Amino acid sequence: MNSEINEILAARSNGRPGLISAQAKELLNLRRLPGMLNMAQTAILLGLSEHDILVLIASSLLKPLGNPPTNAVKYFATIEILAITGESAVLNKIRSTVYQYWRGKNAKRGVVESKPRRSNNCHR
């Protein structure tokens, strides 16, 4: 099962060595994934940052197991996360939701989107 994920990640890298955290490498090299994944592990399998998982929970795209309080550690069913990774429509919706959240958050802070910077060491 994990060999399929590793093959997909290898294909995305186009033969270039990619940076991957030790935690991600350890999770992806397990022979068998655990039944429940915490937020960090879920983020690794979805290719997101850990803080993006909270955005997906708030938008009801991910549902943690049980009914955890706001400040509790949240766990997700591995089988559901793997099912999500196999559906491009759901992945598209997840990515769009994350983009929309950060675009709105940056707009509130007044961040200007990708404006070219002028170098300080230019000769005029």
PDB file of N, CA and C in Angstrom:
ATOM      1  N   MET A   1       0.826  -1.187   0.000  1.00  0.00           N
ATOM      2  CA  MET A   1       0.000   0.000   0.000  1.00  0.00           C
ATOM      3  C   MET A   1       0.875   1.257   0.000  1.00  0.00           C
ATOM      4  N   ASN A   2       1.868   1.331   0.868  1.00  0.00           N
ATOM      5  CA  ASN A   2       2.723   2.500   0.937  1.00  0.00           C
ATOM      6  C   ASN A   2       3.654   2.599  -0.252  1.00  0.00           C
ATOM      7  N   SER A   3       3.941   1.475  -0.898  1.00  0.00           N
ATOM      8  CA  SER A   3       4.803   1.527  -2.080  1.00  0.00           C
ATOM      9  C   SER A   3       4.130   2.345  -3.173  1.00  0.00           C
ATOM     10  N   GLU A   4       2.788   2.296  -3.268  1.00  0.00           N
ATOM     11  CA  GLU A   4       2.064   3.099  -4.248  1.00  0.00           C
ATOM     12  C   GLU A   4       2.259   4.584  -3.968  1.00  0.00           C
ATOM     13  N   ILE A   5       2.165   4.982  -2.709  1.00  0.00           N
ATOM     14  CA  ILE A   5       2.352   6.375  -2.323  1.00  0.00           C
ATOM     15  C   ILE A   5       3.781   6.807  -2.627  1.00  0.00           C
ATOM     16  N   ASN A   6       4.751   5.948  -2.292  1.00  0.00           N
ATOM     17  CA  ASN A   6       6.147   6.273  -2.554  1.00  0.00           C
ATOM     18  C   ASN A   6       6.413   6.430  -4.051  1.00  0.00           C
ATOM     19  N   GLU A   7       5.770   5.604  -4.887  1.00  0.00           N
ATOM     20  CA  GLU A   7       5.936   5.709  -6.339  1.00  0.00           C
ATOM     21  C   GLU A   7       5.367   7.022  -6.854  1.00  0.00           C
ATOM     22  N   ILE A   8       4.229   7.427  -6.329  1.00  0.00           N
ATOM     23  CA  ILE A   8       3.607   8.694  -6.741  1.00  0.00           C
ATOM     24  C   ILE A   8       4.516   9.857  -6.360  1.00  0.00           C
ATOM     25  N   LEU A   9       5.036   9.840  -5.140  1.00  0.00           N
ATOM     26  CA  LEU A   9       5.921  10.916  -4.694  1.00  0.00           C
ATOM     27  C   LEU A   9       7.198  10.947  -5.523  1.00  0.00           C
ATOM     28  N   ALA A  10       7.729   9.785  -5.861  1.00  0.00           N
ATOM     29  CA  ALA A  10       8.941   9.723  -6.678  1.00  0.00           C
ATOM     30  C   ALA A  10       8.674  10.272  -8.080  1.00  0.00           C
ATOM     31  N   ALA A  11       7.501   9.975  -8.633  1.00  0.00           N
ATOM     32  CA  ALA A  11       7.160  10.473  -9.962  1.00  0.00           C
ATOM     33  C   ALA A  11       7.018  11.989  -9.960  1.00  0.00           C
ATOM     34  N   ARG A  12       6.479  12.552  -8.894  1.00  0.00           N
ATOM     35  CA  ARG A  12       6.315  14.002  -8.789  1.00  0.00           C
ATOM     36  C   ARG A  12       7.657  14.721  -8.712  1.00  0.00           C
ATOM     37  N   SER A  13       8.659  14.060  -8.171  1.00  0.00           N
ATOM     38  CA  SER A  13       9.953  14.727  -7.986  1.00  0.00           C
ATOM     39  C   SER A  13      10.791  14.752  -9.260  1.00  0.00           C
ATOM     40  N   ASN A  14      10.356  14.048 -10.323  1.00  0.00           N
ATOM     41  CA  ASN A  14      11.074  14.004 -11.605  1.00  0.00           C
ATOM     42  C   ASN A  14      12.535  13.596 -11.446  1.00  0.00           C
ATOM     43  N   GLY A  15      12.812  12.677 -10.552  1.00  0.00           N
ATOM     44  CA  GLY A  15      14.167  12.182 -10.375  1.00  0.00           C
ATOM     45  C   GLY A  15      15.040  13.044  -9.486  1.00  0.00           C
ATOM     46  N   ARG A  16      14.559  14.211  -9.085  1.00  0.00           N
ATOM     47  CA  ARG A  16      15.335  15.079  -8.203  1.00  0.00           C
ATOM     48  C   ARG A  16      15.122  14.631  -6.768  1.00  0.00           C
ATOM     49  N   PRO A  17      16.160  14.682  -5.965  1.00  0.00           N
ATOM     50  CA  PRO A  17      15.966  14.355  -4.558  1.00  0.00           C
ATOM     51  C   PRO A  17      15.149  15.451  -3.890  1.00  0.00           C
ATOM     52  N   GLY A  18      14.139  15.072  -3.157  1.00  0.00           N
ATOM     53  CA  GLY A  18      13.287  16.043  -2.489  1.00  0.00           C
ATOM     54  C   GLY A  18      13.538  16.059  -1.002  1.00  0.00           C
ATOM     55  N   LEU A  19      13.279  17.197  -0.408  1.00  0.00           N
ATOM     56  CA  LEU A  19      13.412  17.299   1.038  1.00  0.00           C
ATOM     57  C   LEU A  19      12.153  16.744   1.685  1.00  0.00           C
ATOM     58  N   ILE A  20      12.347  15.880   2.630  1.00  0.00           N
ATOM     59  CA  ILE A  20      11.229  15.280   3.338  1.00  0.00           C
ATOM     60  C   ILE A  20      11.640  15.132   4.798  1.00  0.00           C
ATOM     61  N   SER A  21      10.721  15.431   5.671  1.00  0.00           N
ATOM     62  CA  SER A  21      11.046  15.361   7.093  1.00  0.00           C
ATOM     63  C   SER A  21      11.240  13.908   7.516  1.00  0.00           C
ATOM     64  N   ALA A  22      11.958  13.736   8.601  1.00  0.00           N
ATOM     65  CA  ALA A  22      12.188  12.384   9.122  1.00  0.00           C
ATOM     66  C   ALA A  22      10.869  11.728   9.507  1.00  0.00           C
ATOM     67  N   GLN A  23       9.951  12.519  10.065  1.00  0.00           N
ATOM     68  CA  GLN A  23       8.640  11.980  10.461  1.00  0.00           C
ATOM     69  C   GLN A  23       7.862  11.504   9.233  1.00  0.00           C
ATOM     70  N   ALA A  24       7.908  12.281   8.144  1.00  0.00           N
ATOM     71  CA  ALA A  24       7.209  11.892   6.918  1.00  0.00           C
ATOM     72  C   ALA A  24       7.828  10.637   6.325  1.00  0.00           C
ATOM     73  N   LYS A  25       9.146  10.584   6.299  1.00  0.00           N
ATOM     74  CA  LYS A  25       9.842   9.418   5.753  1.00  0.00           C
ATOM     75  C   LYS A  25       9.506   8.171   6.549  1.00  0.00           C
ATOM     76  N   GLU A  26       9.484   8.315   7.870  1.00  0.00           N
ATOM     77  CA  GLU A  26       9.167   7.178   8.736  1.00  0.00           C
ATOM     78  C   GLU A  26       7.741   6.681   8.487  1.00  0.00           C
ATOM     79  N   LEU A  27       6.788   7.609   8.384  1.00  0.00           N
ATOM     80  CA  LEU A  27       5.392   7.233   8.156  1.00  0.00           C
ATOM     81  C   LEU A  27       5.222   6.555   6.796  1.00  0.00           C
ATOM     82  N   LEU A  28       5.812   7.127   5.763  1.00  0.00           N
ATOM     83  CA  LEU A  28       5.630   6.593   4.415  1.00  0.00           C
ATOM     84  C   LEU A  28       6.343   5.262   4.199  1.00  0.00           C
ATOM     85  N   ASN A  29       7.316   4.951   5.039  1.00  0.00           N
ATOM     86  CA  ASN A  29       8.034   3.690   4.903  1.00  0.00           C
ATOM     87  C   ASN A  29       7.500   2.578   5.803  1.00  0.00           C
ATOM     88  N   LEU A  30       6.433   2.846   6.534  1.00  0.00           N
ATOM     89  CA  LEU A  30       5.823   1.785   7.348  1.00  0.00           C
ATOM     90  C   LEU A  30       5.238   0.718   6.439  1.00  0.00           C
ATOM     91  N   ARG A  31       5.353  -0.531   6.860  1.00  0.00           N
ATOM     92  CA  ARG A  31       4.746  -1.614   6.083  1.00  0.00           C
ATOM     93  C   ARG A  31       3.226  -1.518   6.125  1.00  0.00           C
ATOM     94  N   ARG A  32       2.715  -1.114   7.251  1.00  0.00           N
ATOM     95  CA  ARG A  32       1.270  -1.007   7.431  1.00  0.00           C
ATOM     96  C   ARG A  32       1.002   0.274   8.211  1.00  0.00           C
ATOM     97  N   LEU A  33       0.131   1.114   7.678  1.00  0.00           N
ATOM     98  CA  LEU A  33      -0.214   2.348   8.366  1.00  0.00           C
ATOM     99  C   LEU A  33      -1.089   2.042   9.570  1.00  0.00           C
ATOM    100  N   PRO A  34      -1.001   2.856  10.629  1.00  0.00           N
ATOM    101  CA  PRO A  34      -1.881   2.644  11.780  1.00  0.00           C
ATOM    102  C   PRO A  34      -3.331   2.938  11.396  1.00  0.00           C
ATOM    103  N   GLY A  35      -4.257   2.453  12.179  1.00  0.00           N
ATOM    104  CA  GLY A  35      -5.685   2.660  11.909  1.00  0.00           C
ATOM    105  C   GLY A  35      -6.120   4.099  12.066  1.00  0.00           C
ATOM    106  N   MET A  36      -5.453   4.809  12.971  1.00  0.00           N
ATOM    107  CA  MET A  36      -5.775   6.215  13.207  1.00  0.00           C
ATOM    108  C   MET A  36      -4.523   7.052  12.994  1.00  0.00           C
ATOM    109  N   LEU A  37      -4.715   8.219  12.397  1.00  0.00           N
ATOM    110  CA  LEU A  37      -3.614   9.142  12.146  1.00  0.00           C
ATOM    111  C   LEU A  37      -3.853  10.434  12.916  1.00  0.00           C
ATOM    112  N   ASN A  38      -2.781  11.000  13.484  1.00  0.00           N
ATOM    113  CA  ASN A  38      -2.935  12.299  14.128  1.00  0.00           C
ATOM    114  C   ASN A  38      -2.889  13.384  13.047  1.00  0.00           C
ATOM    115  N   MET A  39      -2.959  14.648  13.448  1.00  0.00           N
ATOM    116  CA  MET A  39      -3.009  15.732  12.462  1.00  0.00           C
ATOM    117  C   MET A  39      -1.734  15.813  11.629  1.00  0.00           C
ATOM    118  N   ALA A  40      -0.584  15.621  12.249  1.00  0.00           N
ATOM    119  CA  ALA A  40       0.683  15.697  11.521  1.00  0.00           C
ATOM    120  C   ALA A  40       0.769  14.590  10.469  1.00  0.00           C
ATOM    121  N   GLN A  41       0.382  13.385  10.835  1.00  0.00           N
ATOM    122  CA  GLN A  41       0.421  12.255   9.901  1.00  0.00           C
ATOM    123  C   GLN A  41      -0.586  12.447   8.766  1.00  0.00           C
ATOM    124  N   THR A  42      -1.755  12.978   9.108  1.00  0.00           N
ATOM    125  CA  THR A  42      -2.777  13.249   8.101  1.00  0.00           C
ATOM    126  C   THR A  42      -2.271  14.290   7.109  1.00  0.00           C
ATOM    127  N   ALA A  43      -1.627  15.309   7.628  1.00  0.00           N
ATOM    128  CA  ALA A  43      -1.073  16.354   6.762  1.00  0.00           C
ATOM    129  C   ALA A  43      -0.024  15.776   5.814  1.00  0.00           C
ATOM    130  N   ILE A  44       0.799  14.874   6.312  1.00  0.00           N
ATOM    131  CA  ILE A  44       1.829  14.247   5.475  1.00  0.00           C
ATOM    132  C   ILE A  44       1.180  13.485   4.318  1.00  0.00           C
ATOM    133  N   LEU A  45       0.166  12.683   4.618  1.00  0.00           N
ATOM    134  CA  LEU A  45      -0.469  11.882   3.562  1.00  0.00           C
ATOM    135  C   LEU A  45      -1.216  12.745   2.544  1.00  0.00           C
ATOM    136  N   LEU A  46      -1.746  13.894   3.000  1.00  0.00           N
ATOM    137  CA  LEU A  46      -2.469  14.770   2.084  1.00  0.00           C
ATOM    138  C   LEU A  46      -1.562  15.776   1.392  1.00  0.00           C
ATOM    139  N   GLY A  47      -0.313  15.854   1.814  1.00  0.00           N
ATOM    140  CA  GLY A  47       0.621  16.800   1.204  1.00  0.00           C
ATOM    141  C   GLY A  47       0.363  18.234   1.620  1.00  0.00           C
ATOM    142  N   LEU A  48      -0.120  18.421   2.841  1.00  0.00           N
ATOM    143  CA  LEU A  48      -0.439  19.742   3.359  1.00  0.00           C
ATOM    144  C   LEU A  48       0.430  20.063   4.563  1.00  0.00           C
ATOM    145  N   SER A  49       0.310  21.277   5.048  1.00  0.00           N
ATOM    146  CA  SER A  49       0.926  21.653   6.309  1.00  0.00           C
ATOM    147  C   SER A  49      -0.033  21.290   7.432  1.00  0.00           C
ATOM    148  N   GLU A  50       0.515  21.090   8.602  1.00  0.00           N
ATOM    149  CA  GLU A  50      -0.323  20.675   9.728  1.00  0.00           C
ATOM    150  C   GLU A  50      -1.398  21.712  10.047  1.00  0.00           C
ATOM    151  N   HIS A  51      -1.074  23.002   9.925  1.00  0.00           N
ATOM    152  CA  HIS A  51      -2.066  24.026  10.241  1.00  0.00           C
ATOM    153  C   HIS A  51      -3.203  24.080   9.218  1.00  0.00           C
ATOM    154  N   ASP A  52      -3.002  23.516   8.037  1.00  0.00           N
ATOM    155  CA  ASP A  52      -4.072  23.465   7.038  1.00  0.00           C
ATOM    156  C   ASP A  52      -5.149  22.451   7.410  1.00  0.00           C
ATOM    157  N   ILE A  53      -4.806  21.485   8.229  1.00  0.00           N
ATOM    158  CA  ILE A  53      -5.788  20.470   8.644  1.00  0.00           C
ATOM    159  C   ILE A  53      -6.927  21.125   9.425  1.00  0.00           C
ATOM    160  N   LEU A  54      -6.596  22.110  10.266  1.00  0.00           N
ATOM    161  CA  LEU A  54      -7.633  22.817  11.025  1.00  0.00           C
ATOM    162  C   LEU A  54      -8.586  23.563  10.093  1.00  0.00           C
ATOM    163  N   VAL A  55      -8.075  24.090   9.006  1.00  0.00           N
ATOM    164  CA  VAL A  55      -8.912  24.763   8.008  1.00  0.00           C
ATOM    165  C   VAL A  55      -9.897  23.770   7.405  1.00  0.00           C
ATOM    166  N   LEU A  56      -9.420  22.564   7.109  1.00  0.00           N
ATOM    167  CA  LEU A  56     -10.278  21.545   6.508  1.00  0.00           C
ATOM    168  C   LEU A  56     -11.324  21.031   7.492  1.00  0.00           C
ATOM    169  N   ILE A  57     -10.968  20.975   8.769  1.00  0.00           N
ATOM    170  CA  ILE A  57     -11.943  20.570   9.785  1.00  0.00           C
ATOM    171  C   ILE A  57     -13.037  21.625   9.887  1.00  0.00           C
ATOM    172  N   ALA A  58     -12.631  22.903   9.915  1.00  0.00           N
ATOM    173  CA  ALA A  58     -13.598  23.997  10.030  1.00  0.00           C
ATOM    174  C   ALA A  58     -14.541  24.046   8.831  1.00  0.00           C
ATOM    175  N   SER A  59     -14.046  23.672   7.657  1.00  0.00           N
ATOM    176  CA  SER A  59     -14.883  23.688   6.457  1.00  0.00           C
ATOM    177  C   SER A  59     -15.608  22.360   6.227  1.00  0.00           C
ATOM    178  N   SER A  60     -15.508  21.446   7.172  1.00  0.00           N
ATOM    179  CA  SER A  60     -16.183  20.137   7.143  1.00  0.00           C
ATOM    180  C   SER A  60     -15.711  19.223   6.017  1.00  0.00           C
ATOM    181  N   LEU A  61     -14.501  19.450   5.512  1.00  0.00           N
ATOM    182  CA  LEU A  61     -13.958  18.530   4.512  1.00  0.00           C
ATOM    183  C   LEU A  61     -13.269  17.340   5.169  1.00  0.00           C
ATOM    184  N   LEU A  62     -12.831  17.511   6.401  1.00  0.00           N
ATOM    185  CA  LEU A  62     -12.274  16.417   7.198  1.00  0.00           C
ATOM    186  C   LEU A  62     -13.040  16.346   8.499  1.00  0.00           C
ATOM    187  N   LYS A  63     -13.305  15.131   8.942  1.00  0.00           N
ATOM    188  CA  LYS A  63     -14.007  14.951  10.207  1.00  0.00           C
ATOM    189  C   LYS A  63     -13.156  14.079  11.119  1.00  0.00           C
ATOM    190  N   PRO A  64     -12.762  14.626  12.281  1.00  0.00           N
ATOM    191  CA  PRO A  64     -11.979  13.813  13.205  1.00  0.00           C
ATOM    192  C   PRO A  64     -12.831  12.703  13.819  1.00  0.00           C
ATOM    193  N   LEU A  65     -12.159  11.650  14.259  1.00  0.00           N
ATOM    194  CA  LEU A  65     -12.856  10.535  14.896  1.00  0.00           C
ATOM    195  C   LEU A  65     -13.394  10.966  16.252  1.00  0.00           C
ATOM    196  N   GLY A  66     -14.534  10.421  16.614  1.00  0.00           N
ATOM    197  CA  GLY A  66     -15.151  10.775  17.885  1.00  0.00           C
ATOM    198  C   GLY A  66     -15.712  12.180  17.806  1.00  0.00           C
ATOM    199  N   ASN A  67     -15.805  12.810  18.948  1.00  0.00           N
ATOM    200  CA  ASN A  67     -16.270  14.185  19.010  1.00  0.00           C
ATOM    201  C   ASN A  67     -15.307  14.949  19.916  1.00  0.00           C
ATOM    202  N   PRO A  68     -14.078  15.210  19.433  1.00  0.00           N
ATOM    203  CA  PRO A  68     -13.063  15.788  20.312  1.00  0.00           C
ATOM    204  C   PRO A  68     -13.345  17.247  20.643  1.00  0.00           C
ATOM    205  N   PRO A  69     -13.007  17.664  21.868  1.00  0.00           N
ATOM    206  CA  PRO A  69     -13.102  19.090  22.197  1.00  0.00           C
ATOM    207  C   PRO A  69     -12.127  19.896  21.332  1.00  0.00           C
ATOM    208  N   THR A  70     -12.315  21.182  21.304  1.00  0.00           N
ATOM    209  CA  THR A  70     -11.500  22.058  20.462  1.00  0.00           C
ATOM    210  C   THR A  70     -10.006  21.902  20.718  1.00  0.00           C
ATOM    211  N   ASN A  71      -9.617  21.785  21.987  1.00  0.00           N
ATOM    212  CA  ASN A  71      -8.193  21.738  22.331  1.00  0.00           C
ATOM    213  C   ASN A  71      -7.621  20.326  22.415  1.00  0.00           C
ATOM    214  N   ALA A  72      -8.374  19.322  22.004  1.00  0.00           N
ATOM    215  CA  ALA A  72      -7.906  17.929  22.095  1.00  0.00           C
ATOM    216  C   ALA A  72      -7.106  17.542  20.862  1.00  0.00           C
ATOM    217  N   VAL A  73      -6.281  16.514  21.001  1.00  0.00           N
ATOM    218  CA  VAL A  73      -5.577  15.940  19.863  1.00  0.00           C
ATOM    219  C   VAL A  73      -6.623  15.253  18.985  1.00  0.00           C
ATOM    220  N   LYS A  74      -6.564  15.540  17.702  1.00  0.00           N
ATOM    221  CA  LYS A  74      -7.555  14.983  16.796  1.00  0.00           C
ATOM    222  C   LYS A  74      -6.944  13.849  15.986  1.00  0.00           C
ATOM    223  N   TYR A  75      -7.728  12.795  15.810  1.00  0.00           N
ATOM    224  CA  TYR A  75      -7.309  11.628  15.041  1.00  0.00           C
ATOM    225  C   TYR A  75      -8.273  11.416  13.892  1.00  0.00           C
ATOM    226  N   PHE A  76      -7.748  10.835  12.827  1.00  0.00           N
ATOM    227  CA  PHE A  76      -8.536  10.604  11.627  1.00  0.00           C
ATOM    228  C   PHE A  76      -8.383   9.151  11.201  1.00  0.00           C
ATOM    229  N   ALA A  77      -9.435   8.591  10.592  1.00  0.00           N
ATOM    230  CA  ALA A  77      -9.391   7.211  10.119  1.00  0.00           C
ATOM    231  C   ALA A  77      -8.487   7.131   8.889  1.00  0.00           C
ATOM    232  N   THR A  78      -7.494   6.271   8.960  1.00  0.00           N
ATOM    233  CA  THR A  78      -6.537   6.120   7.863  1.00  0.00           C
ATOM    234  C   THR A  78      -7.238   5.750   6.569  1.00  0.00           C
ATOM    235  N   ILE A  79      -8.205   4.868   6.658  1.00  0.00           N
ATOM    236  CA  ILE A  79      -8.900   4.405   5.450  1.00  0.00           C
ATOM    237  C   ILE A  79      -9.633   5.557   4.756  1.00  0.00           C
ATOM    238  N   GLU A  80     -10.165   6.498   5.538  1.00  0.00           N
ATOM    239  CA  GLU A  80     -10.851   7.653   4.953  1.00  0.00           C
ATOM    240  C   GLU A  80      -9.855   8.603   4.291  1.00  0.00           C
ATOM    241  N   ILE A  81      -8.708   8.800   4.918  1.00  0.00           N
ATOM    242  CA  ILE A  81      -7.685   9.680   4.353  1.00  0.00           C
ATOM    243  C   ILE A  81      -7.149   9.091   3.044  1.00  0.00           C
ATOM    244  N   LEU A  82      -6.915   7.779   3.027  1.00  0.00           N
ATOM    245  CA  LEU A  82      -6.442   7.138   1.797  1.00  0.00           C
ATOM    246  C   LEU A  82      -7.502   7.199   0.700  1.00  0.00           C
ATOM    247  N   ALA A  83      -8.781   7.112   1.076  1.00  0.00           N
ATOM    248  CA  ALA A  83      -9.859   7.229   0.093  1.00  0.00           C
ATOM    249  C   ALA A  83      -9.878   8.630  -0.509  1.00  0.00           C
ATOM    250  N   ILE A  84      -9.644   9.639   0.329  1.00  0.00           N
ATOM    251  CA  ILE A  84      -9.603  11.022  -0.146  1.00  0.00           C
ATOM    252  C   ILE A  84      -8.458  11.209  -1.137  1.00  0.00           C
ATOM    253  N   THR A  85      -7.299  10.615  -0.834  1.00  0.00           N
ATOM    254  CA  THR A  85      -6.140  10.799  -1.712  1.00  0.00           C
ATOM    255  C   THR A  85      -6.347  10.161  -3.081  1.00  0.00           C
ATOM    256  N   GLY A  86      -7.323   9.274  -3.198  1.00  0.00           N
ATOM    257  CA  GLY A  86      -7.601   8.634  -4.477  1.00  0.00           C
ATOM    258  C   GLY A  86      -8.649   9.356  -5.306  1.00  0.00           C
ATOM    259  N   GLU A  87      -9.245  10.413  -4.780  1.00  0.00           N
ATOM    260  CA  GLU A  87     -10.298  11.132  -5.492  1.00  0.00           C
ATOM    261  C   GLU A  87      -9.815  12.530  -5.846  1.00  0.00           C
ATOM    262  N   SER A  88      -9.589  12.764  -7.117  1.00  0.00           N
ATOM    263  CA  SER A  88      -9.050  14.067  -7.527  1.00  0.00           C
ATOM    264  C   SER A  88     -10.033  15.209  -7.288  1.00  0.00           C
ATOM    265  N   ALA A  89     -11.330  14.945  -7.369  1.00  0.00           N
ATOM    266  CA  ALA A  89     -12.316  15.999  -7.130  1.00  0.00           C
ATOM    267  C   ALA A  89     -12.249  16.489  -5.682  1.00  0.00           C
ATOM    268  N   VAL A  90     -12.086  15.561  -4.752  1.00  0.00           N
ATOM    269  CA  VAL A  90     -11.984  15.934  -3.334  1.00  0.00           C
ATOM    270  C   VAL A  90     -10.672  16.659  -3.075  1.00  0.00           C
ATOM    271  N   LEU A  91      -9.584  16.180  -3.679  1.00  0.00           N
ATOM    272  CA  LEU A  91      -8.292  16.850  -3.517  1.00  0.00           C
ATOM    273  C   LEU A  91      -8.344  18.270  -4.084  1.00  0.00           C
ATOM    274  N   ASN A  92      -9.036  18.441  -5.197  1.00  0.00           N
ATOM    275  CA  ASN A  92      -9.197  19.768  -5.778  1.00  0.00           C
ATOM    276  C   ASN A  92      -9.956  20.687  -4.828  1.00  0.00           C
ATOM    277  N   LYS A  93     -11.006  20.169  -4.226  1.00  0.00           N
ATOM    278  CA  LYS A  93     -11.802  20.960  -3.287  1.00  0.00           C
ATOM    279  C   LYS A  93     -10.977  21.319  -2.045  1.00  0.00           C
ATOM    280  N   ILE A  94     -10.173  20.370  -1.563  1.00  0.00           N
ATOM    281  CA  ILE A  94      -9.309  20.618  -0.408  1.00  0.00           C
ATOM    282  C   ILE A  94      -8.312  21.731  -0.734  1.00  0.00           C
ATOM    283  N   ARG A  95      -7.642  21.627  -1.871  1.00  0.00           N
ATOM    284  CA  ARG A  95      -6.642  22.631  -2.248  1.00  0.00           C
ATOM    285  C   ARG A  95      -7.291  23.991  -2.434  1.00  0.00           C
ATOM    286  N   SER A  96      -8.464  24.037  -3.076  1.00  0.00           N
ATOM    287  CA  SER A  96      -9.173  25.305  -3.274  1.00  0.00           C
ATOM    288  C   SER A  96      -9.557  25.938  -1.944  1.00  0.00           C
ATOM    289  N   THR A  97     -10.007  25.115  -1.011  1.00  0.00           N
ATOM    290  CA  THR A  97     -10.395  25.614   0.307  1.00  0.00           C
ATOM    291  C   THR A  97      -9.203  26.212   1.038  1.00  0.00           C
ATOM    292  N   VAL A  98      -8.065  25.537   0.989  1.00  0.00           N
ATOM    293  CA  VAL A  98      -6.857  26.034   1.653  1.00  0.00           C
ATOM    294  C   VAL A  98      -6.401  27.338   1.000  1.00  0.00           C
ATOM    295  N   TYR A  99      -6.382  27.391  -0.335  1.00  0.00           N
ATOM    296  CA  TYR A  99      -5.999  28.623  -1.027  1.00  0.00           C
ATOM    297  C   TYR A  99      -6.924  29.769  -0.643  1.00  0.00           C
ATOM    298  N   GLN A 100      -8.221  29.512  -0.656  1.00  0.00           N
ATOM    299  CA  GLN A 100      -9.209  30.546  -0.348  1.00  0.00           C
ATOM    300  C   GLN A 100      -9.035  31.051   1.084  1.00  0.00           C
ATOM    301  N   TYR A 101      -8.784  30.150   2.010  1.00  0.00           N
ATOM    302  CA  TYR A 101      -8.598  30.548   3.409  1.00  0.00           C
ATOM    303  C   TYR A 101      -7.402  31.485   3.550  1.00  0.00           C
ATOM    304  N   TRP A 102      -6.265  31.093   2.977  1.00  0.00           N
ATOM    305  CA  TRP A 102      -5.058  31.899   3.131  1.00  0.00           C
ATOM    306  C   TRP A 102      -5.142  33.195   2.336  1.00  0.00           C
ATOM    307  N   ARG A 103      -5.836  33.186   1.205  1.00  0.00           N
ATOM    308  CA  ARG A 103      -6.027  34.418   0.446  1.00  0.00           C
ATOM    309  C   ARG A 103      -6.830  35.414   1.277  1.00  0.00           C
ATOM    310  N   GLY A 104      -7.895  34.929   1.922  1.00  0.00           N
ATOM    311  CA  GLY A 104      -8.715  35.791   2.778  1.00  0.00           C
ATOM    312  C   GLY A 104      -7.952  36.283   3.996  1.00  0.00           C
ATOM    313  N   LYS A 105      -7.186  35.398   4.595  1.00  0.00           N
ATOM    314  CA  LYS A 105      -6.412  35.769   5.784  1.00  0.00           C
ATOM    315  C   LYS A 105      -5.356  36.820   5.434  1.00  0.00           C
ATOM    316  N   ASN A 106      -4.667  36.634   4.308  1.00  0.00           N
ATOM    317  CA  ASN A 106      -3.664  37.608   3.889  1.00  0.00           C
ATOM    318  C   ASN A 106      -4.295  38.937   3.492  1.00  0.00           C
ATOM    319  N   ALA A 107      -5.481  38.899   2.911  1.00  0.00           N
ATOM    320  CA  ALA A 107      -6.166  40.133   2.531  1.00  0.00           C
ATOM    321  C   ALA A 107      -6.532  40.949   3.770  1.00  0.00           C
ATOM    322  N   LYS A 108      -6.928  40.272   4.841  1.00  0.00           N
ATOM    323  CA  LYS A 108      -7.259  40.968   6.092  1.00  0.00           C
ATOM    324  C   LYS A 108      -6.032  41.643   6.690  1.00  0.00           C
ATOM    325  N   ARG A 109      -4.872  41.013   6.504  1.00  0.00           N
ATOM    326  CA  ARG A 109      -3.630  41.580   7.039  1.00  0.00           C
ATOM    327  C   ARG A 109      -3.064  42.653   6.125  1.00  0.00           C
ATOM    328  N   GLY A 110      -3.593  42.743   4.926  1.00  0.00           N
ATOM    329  CA  GLY A 110      -3.113  43.740   3.982  1.00  0.00           C
ATOM    330  C   GLY A 110      -1.862  43.323   3.250  1.00  0.00           C
ATOM    331  N   VAL A 111      -1.652  42.026   3.104  1.00  0.00           N
ATOM    332  CA  VAL A 111      -0.485  41.529   2.381  1.00  0.00           C
ATOM    333  C   VAL A 111      -0.724  41.699   0.889  1.00  0.00           C
ATOM    334  N   VAL A 112       0.229  42.294   0.204  1.00  0.00           N
ATOM    335  CA  VAL A 112       0.128  42.469  -1.242  1.00  0.00           C
ATOM    336  C   VAL A 112       0.655  41.215  -1.908  1.00  0.00           C
ATOM    337  N   GLU A 113      -0.091  40.716  -2.901  1.00  0.00           N
ATOM    338  CA  GLU A 113       0.304  39.479  -3.563  1.00  0.00           C
ATOM    339  C   GLU A 113       1.436  39.699  -4.547  1.00  0.00           C
ATOM    340  N   SER A 114       2.475  38.928  -4.426  1.00  0.00           N
ATOM    341  CA  SER A 114       3.669  38.830  -5.275  1.00  0.00           C
ATOM    342  C   SER A 114       3.983  40.091  -6.088  1.00  0.00           C
ATOM    343  N   LYS A 115       4.406  41.078  -5.388  1.00  0.00           N
ATOM    344  CA  LYS A 115       4.865  42.306  -6.003  1.00  0.00           C
ATOM    345  C   LYS A 115       6.371  42.188  -6.187  1.00  0.00           C
ATOM    346  N   PRO A 116       6.903  42.498  -7.370  1.00  0.00           N
ATOM    347  CA  PRO A 116       8.349  42.354  -7.551  1.00  0.00           C
ATOM    348  C   PRO A 116       9.109  43.298  -6.621  1.00  0.00           C
ATOM    349  N   ARG A 117      10.157  42.755  -6.024  1.00  0.00           N
ATOM    350  CA  ARG A 117      10.977  43.552  -5.112  1.00  0.00           C
ATOM    351  C   ARG A 117      12.104  44.208  -5.878  1.00  0.00           C
ATOM    352  N   ARG A 118      12.480  45.373  -5.406  1.00  0.00           N
ATOM    353  CA  ARG A 118      13.609  46.070  -5.984  1.00  0.00           C
ATOM    354  C   ARG A 118      14.831  45.773  -5.160  1.00  0.00           C
ATOM    355  N   SER A 119      15.885  45.407  -5.806  1.00  0.00           N
ATOM    356  CA  SER A 119      17.122  45.070  -5.115  1.00  0.00           C
ATOM    357  C   SER A 119      17.735  46.319  -4.524  1.00  0.00           C
ATOM    358  N   ASN A 120      18.302  46.174  -3.323  1.00  0.00           N
ATOM    359  CA  ASN A 120      18.945  47.303  -2.652  1.00  0.00           C
ATOM    360  C   ASN A 120      20.312  47.631  -3.237  1.00  0.00           C
ATOM    361  N   ASN A 121      20.923  46.725  -3.944  1.00  0.00           N
ATOM    362  CA  ASN A 121      22.259  46.968  -4.442  1.00  0.00           C
ATOM    363  C   ASN A 121      22.300  47.287  -5.941  1.00  0.00           C
ATOM    364  N   CYS A 122      21.213  47.816  -6.452  1.00  0.00           N
ATOM    365  CA  CYS A 122      21.164  48.193  -7.867  1.00  0.00           C
ATOM    366  C   CYS A 122      21.938  49.483  -8.091  1.00  0.00           C
ATOM    367  N   HIS A 123      22.604  49.548  -9.217  1.00  0.00           N
ATOM    368  CA  HIS A 123      23.298  50.762  -9.602  1.00  0.00           C
ATOM    369  C   HIS A 123      22.389  51.557 -10.536  1.00  0.00           C
ATOM    370  N   ARG A 124      22.273  52.818 -10.259  1.00  0.00           N
ATOM    371  CA  ARG A 124      21.407  53.645 -11.101  1.00  0.00           C
ATOM    372  C   ARG A 124      22.206  54.535 -11.981  1.00  0.00           C
TER     373      ARG A 124
END
